[in-house]
Amino acid sequence: MMDPALQEQIMLGVAWYAVFLLSLTLHEAAHAFAALRLGDPTAYHGGQVTLNPVPHIRRSPFGTVIVPLLVFATSGWMIGWASAPYDPVWARRYPRREAIMALAGPLANLLLVLLAGTAIVLGLAMGWFVAPQSVTFGMLTEAASPGLASGAAMVLSILFGLNLLLFVFNLIPLPPLDGSSVITLLMPEETAMRYRDFLAGQPGLALVGLLIAWRLFNPVFDRVFLIALKLLYPGVDYQ
């Protein structure tokens, strides 16, 4: 008979990976769909305009399988990456369109946050969920009683927390994150083109940008996370 603790860990891992794949797939499919609608069919021809995770896994197996499983084994949560191809000539010619394409991915994650949050609020109103004594990134609500509600509370907590993380992190305006393209929506078009040409000529900035983004992320996310908790649980003071 399987050890109950091991069984619980396996169930948690399955829930995390299912939510992780859904979140990444929707993010990349949103990029690909936006690019197609805006005139670049590159990702469409690559099979990325789909909610089927297989094409996304096939394109980025290391970021969609190996890294998330390793992170879960060592830290108890998951993170990773995928990508959707695009035509750099199209992106340079239409920097506004590229910026909208970049924004589509984080907005897909925000949609999942809103759906999960709505489900949690409804569950609280129906008496299925209760506010936990303390919250963590992967446990934002608790079931009022054992059963199906426990599984739903776990999945919704992961869905909310992971997608809030992906939304905030990807909008940091540093390369290679989506925010480095989204920020050009605030620039005159000529300035946006020069900015994009500068980034394209400095590929080493991607690594520097990631290192800086990781340093900036925690204080930014902590504030956003507290705001999200206040919206989920008005009147409950989580620190």
Protein backbone atom coordinates (compact mmCIF):
# COMPACT_ATOMS: atom_id res chain seq x y z
CA MET A 1 0.00 0.00 0.00
CA MET A 2 1.35 3.44 -0.95
CA ASP A 3 2.42 5.73 1.85
CA PRO A 4 -0.29 8.42 2.31
CA ALA A 5 2.29 11.22 2.38
CA LEU A 6 3.79 10.01 -0.91
CA GLN A 7 0.33 9.65 -2.44
CA GLU A 8 -0.52 13.22 -1.41
CA GLN A 9 2.76 14.48 -2.91
CA ILE A 10 2.06 12.70 -6.20
CA MET A 11 -1.45 14.16 -6.36
CA LEU A 12 -0.03 17.62 -5.67
CA GLY A 13 2.57 17.15 -8.40
CA VAL A 14 -0.09 16.07 -10.91
CA ALA A 15 -2.22 19.12 -10.02
CA TRP A 16 0.74 21.46 -10.35
CA TYR A 17 1.81 20.05 -13.70
CA ALA A 18 -1.72 20.12 -15.14
CA VAL A 19 -2.14 23.77 -14.13
CA PHE A 20 1.38 24.64 -15.29
CA LEU A 21 0.80 23.14 -18.75
CA LEU A 22 -2.58 24.85 -19.09
CA SER A 23 -1.10 28.20 -18.09
CA LEU A 24 1.91 28.00 -20.39
CA THR A 25 -0.11 26.64 -23.30
CA LEU A 26 -2.71 29.41 -23.07
CA HIS A 27 0.06 32.03 -22.76
CA GLU A 28 1.87 30.88 -25.91
CA ALA A 29 -1.32 30.21 -27.86
CA ALA A 30 -2.42 33.77 -27.09
CA HIS A 31 0.88 35.11 -28.48
CA ALA A 32 0.48 32.97 -31.59
CA PHE A 33 -3.19 33.86 -32.14
CA ALA A 34 -2.55 37.59 -31.70
CA ALA A 35 0.35 37.44 -34.18
CA LEU A 36 -1.84 35.63 -36.71
CA ARG A 37 -4.62 38.21 -36.38
CA LEU A 38 -2.07 41.01 -36.73
CA GLY A 39 -0.48 39.66 -39.89
CA ASP A 40 2.24 37.19 -38.89
CA PRO A 41 1.29 33.54 -39.53
CA THR A 42 4.69 32.14 -38.44
CA ALA A 43 3.44 30.59 -35.19
CA TYR A 44 0.25 29.42 -36.87
CA HIS A 45 2.26 27.49 -39.45
CA GLY A 46 4.33 26.09 -36.60
CA GLY A 47 1.18 24.69 -34.97
CA GLN A 48 1.26 27.04 -31.96
CA VAL A 49 -2.26 28.46 -32.33
CA THR A 50 -3.69 25.65 -30.24
CA LEU A 51 -4.63 24.75 -26.69
CA ASN A 52 -3.11 21.32 -27.27
CA PRO A 53 0.08 21.37 -25.15
CA VAL A 54 1.93 18.85 -27.36
CA PRO A 55 3.21 21.35 -29.99
CA HIS A 56 4.39 23.67 -27.23
CA ILE A 57 6.13 20.81 -25.41
CA ARG A 58 7.72 19.66 -28.66
CA ARG A 59 9.11 23.14 -29.28
CA SER A 60 10.46 23.65 -25.72
CA PRO A 61 10.80 20.23 -24.01
CA PHE A 62 13.41 21.43 -21.53
CA GLY A 63 11.30 24.36 -20.30
CA THR A 64 7.97 22.54 -20.33
CA VAL A 65 8.95 19.15 -18.88
CA ILE A 66 12.41 18.87 -17.35
CA VAL A 67 12.73 22.20 -15.54
CA PRO A 68 9.24 22.26 -13.97
CA LEU A 69 9.60 18.69 -12.69
CA LEU A 70 13.05 19.42 -11.26
CA VAL A 71 11.81 22.60 -9.59
CA PHE A 72 8.86 20.73 -8.08
CA ALA A 73 11.12 17.96 -6.77
CA THR A 74 13.35 20.51 -5.03
CA SER A 75 10.93 23.32 -4.12
CA GLY A 76 7.36 21.98 -4.19
CA TRP A 77 6.12 24.29 -6.96
CA MET A 78 6.70 24.67 -10.70
CA ILE A 79 8.08 27.19 -13.14
CA GLY A 80 9.36 26.87 -16.69
CA TRP A 81 9.00 28.37 -20.13
CA ALA A 82 7.87 27.89 -23.71
CA SER A 83 7.95 30.08 -26.80
CA ALA A 84 6.02 30.92 -29.95
CA PRO A 85 7.97 31.78 -33.12
CA TYR A 86 7.41 35.06 -34.97
CA ASP A 87 8.81 36.82 -38.02
CA PRO A 88 11.43 39.40 -36.92
CA VAL A 89 10.97 41.34 -40.17
CA TRP A 90 7.25 41.69 -39.41
CA ALA A 91 8.04 42.69 -35.82
CA ARG A 92 10.44 45.43 -36.92
CA ARG A 93 8.04 46.74 -39.54
CA TYR A 94 5.13 46.82 -37.09
CA PRO A 95 6.45 47.46 -33.56
CA ARG A 96 2.96 48.29 -32.27
CA ARG A 97 1.65 44.96 -33.50
CA GLU A 98 4.59 43.13 -31.94
CA ALA A 99 3.85 44.87 -28.63
CA ILE A 100 0.20 43.80 -28.74
CA MET A 101 1.32 40.23 -29.54
CA ALA A 102 3.63 40.34 -26.52
CA LEU A 103 0.84 41.66 -24.29
CA ALA A 104 -1.53 38.86 -25.32
CA GLY A 105 0.42 36.22 -23.34
CA PRO A 106 0.29 37.95 -19.92
CA LEU A 107 -3.34 38.91 -20.52
CA ALA A 108 -4.14 35.22 -21.02
CA ASN A 109 -2.60 34.55 -17.60
CA LEU A 110 -4.60 37.42 -16.09
CA LEU A 111 -7.76 35.83 -17.50
CA LEU A 112 -6.96 32.60 -15.65
CA VAL A 113 -6.34 34.60 -12.45
CA LEU A 114 -9.76 36.24 -12.78
CA LEU A 115 -11.49 32.92 -13.49
CA ALA A 116 -9.80 31.23 -10.53
CA GLY A 117 -10.52 34.19 -8.27
CA THR A 118 -14.18 34.22 -9.28
CA ALA A 119 -14.46 30.50 -8.57
CA ILE A 120 -12.85 30.96 -5.14
CA VAL A 121 -15.22 33.83 -4.25
CA LEU A 122 -18.22 31.77 -5.36
CA GLY A 123 -16.95 28.81 -3.34
CA LEU A 124 -16.68 31.03 -0.27
CA ALA A 125 -20.21 32.34 -0.81
CA MET A 126 -21.57 28.79 -1.18
CA GLY A 127 -19.79 27.62 1.97
CA TRP A 128 -17.51 25.19 0.08
CA PHE A 129 -14.33 27.11 0.90
CA VAL A 130 -13.10 29.06 3.91
CA ALA A 131 -10.37 31.63 4.37
CA PRO A 132 -7.23 29.84 5.64
CA GLN A 133 -5.46 30.91 8.81
CA SER A 134 -2.41 31.70 6.70
CA VAL A 135 -1.90 31.72 2.95
CA THR A 136 0.95 30.59 0.75
CA PHE A 137 1.62 30.90 -2.96
CA GLY A 138 0.07 27.47 -3.58
CA MET A 139 -2.66 27.51 -0.92
CA LEU A 140 -4.95 30.50 -1.15
CA THR A 141 -8.17 28.87 0.05
CA GLU A 142 -9.23 25.79 2.02
CA ALA A 143 -12.14 23.39 1.76
CA ALA A 144 -14.80 23.72 4.42
CA SER A 145 -14.98 19.92 4.61
CA PRO A 146 -13.06 16.99 3.10
CA GLY A 147 -13.98 15.65 -0.31
CA LEU A 148 -14.12 17.13 -3.80
CA ALA A 149 -13.91 20.64 -2.40
CA SER A 150 -10.38 19.88 -1.13
CA GLY A 151 -9.17 19.03 -4.61
CA ALA A 152 -10.93 22.06 -6.09
CA ALA A 153 -9.39 24.35 -3.46
CA MET A 154 -5.91 23.00 -4.27
CA VAL A 155 -6.29 23.38 -8.06
CA LEU A 156 -7.83 26.86 -7.83
CA SER A 157 -5.13 28.02 -5.44
CA ILE A 158 -2.39 26.87 -7.81
CA LEU A 159 -4.20 28.31 -10.83
CA PHE A 160 -4.56 31.70 -9.16
CA GLY A 161 -1.06 31.91 -7.69
CA LEU A 162 0.90 30.59 -10.66
CA ASN A 163 -0.90 32.77 -13.20
CA LEU A 164 -0.56 35.86 -11.05
CA LEU A 165 3.18 35.14 -10.94
CA LEU A 166 3.36 34.65 -14.73
CA PHE A 167 1.35 37.83 -15.33
CA VAL A 168 3.52 40.01 -13.11
CA PHE A 169 6.89 38.50 -14.04
CA ASN A 170 6.33 38.62 -17.78
CA LEU A 171 5.33 42.29 -17.66
CA ILE A 172 8.62 43.40 -16.11
CA PRO A 173 9.95 45.69 -18.89
CA LEU A 174 13.30 43.97 -19.34
CA PRO A 175 14.47 41.66 -22.16
CA PRO A 176 13.73 38.86 -22.89
CA LEU A 177 10.40 39.22 -21.04
CA ASP A 178 7.17 40.28 -22.75
CA GLY A 179 7.24 43.57 -20.89
CA SER A 180 10.27 44.71 -22.87
CA SER A 181 8.05 44.76 -25.98
CA VAL A 182 4.84 45.87 -24.25
CA ILE A 183 6.56 49.04 -23.03
CA THR A 184 6.91 50.23 -26.63
CA LEU A 185 3.16 50.89 -26.65
CA LEU A 186 4.05 53.96 -24.55
CA MET A 187 6.64 55.19 -27.07
CA PRO A 188 6.31 57.05 -30.36
CA GLU A 189 6.59 54.55 -33.21
CA GLU A 190 9.98 55.80 -34.40
CA THR A 191 11.38 55.55 -30.86
CA ALA A 192 9.91 52.06 -30.52
CA MET A 193 11.68 50.95 -33.70
CA ARG A 194 15.04 52.32 -32.50
CA TYR A 195 14.54 50.69 -29.12
CA ARG A 196 13.75 47.35 -30.73
CA ASP A 197 16.78 47.60 -33.04
CA PHE A 198 18.97 48.30 -30.00
CA LEU A 199 17.70 45.20 -28.18
CA ALA A 200 18.13 43.07 -31.31
CA GLY A 201 21.75 44.15 -31.57
CA GLN A 202 22.51 43.30 -27.92
CA PRO A 203 21.60 39.61 -27.41
CA GLY A 204 23.59 39.51 -24.16
CA LEU A 205 21.04 41.86 -22.59
CA ALA A 206 18.62 38.93 -22.29
CA LEU A 207 20.70 37.27 -19.57
CA VAL A 208 21.32 40.57 -17.79
CA GLY A 209 17.60 41.36 -18.00
CA LEU A 210 16.63 38.03 -16.46
CA LEU A 211 19.08 38.49 -13.58
CA ILE A 212 17.76 41.97 -12.84
CA ALA A 213 14.14 40.83 -13.20
CA TRP A 214 14.65 38.11 -10.58
CA ARG A 215 16.04 40.70 -8.16
CA LEU A 216 13.12 43.06 -8.79
CA PHE A 217 10.41 40.43 -8.83
CA ASN A 218 9.96 39.52 -5.16
CA PRO A 219 9.17 43.01 -3.78
CA VAL A 220 6.90 43.75 -6.76
CA PHE A 221 5.06 40.43 -6.58
CA ASP A 222 4.67 40.60 -2.79
CA ARG A 223 2.74 43.86 -3.13
CA VAL A 224 0.56 42.57 -5.96
CA PHE A 225 -0.08 39.34 -4.05
CA LEU A 226 -1.26 41.25 -0.96
CA ILE A 227 -3.62 43.34 -3.10
CA ALA A 228 -5.01 40.14 -4.63
CA LEU A 229 -5.57 38.66 -1.16
CA LYS A 230 -7.45 41.78 -0.03
CA LEU A 231 -9.74 41.43 -3.05
CA LEU A 232 -10.36 37.74 -2.31
CA TYR A 233 -10.82 38.21 1.43
CA PRO A 234 -12.04 41.73 2.25
CA GLY A 235 -11.60 42.41 5.93
CA VAL A 236 -9.09 39.59 6.49
CA ASP A 237 -5.62 40.93 7.26
CA TYR A 238 -2.92 38.75 5.74
CA GLN A 239 0.65 39.96 6.19
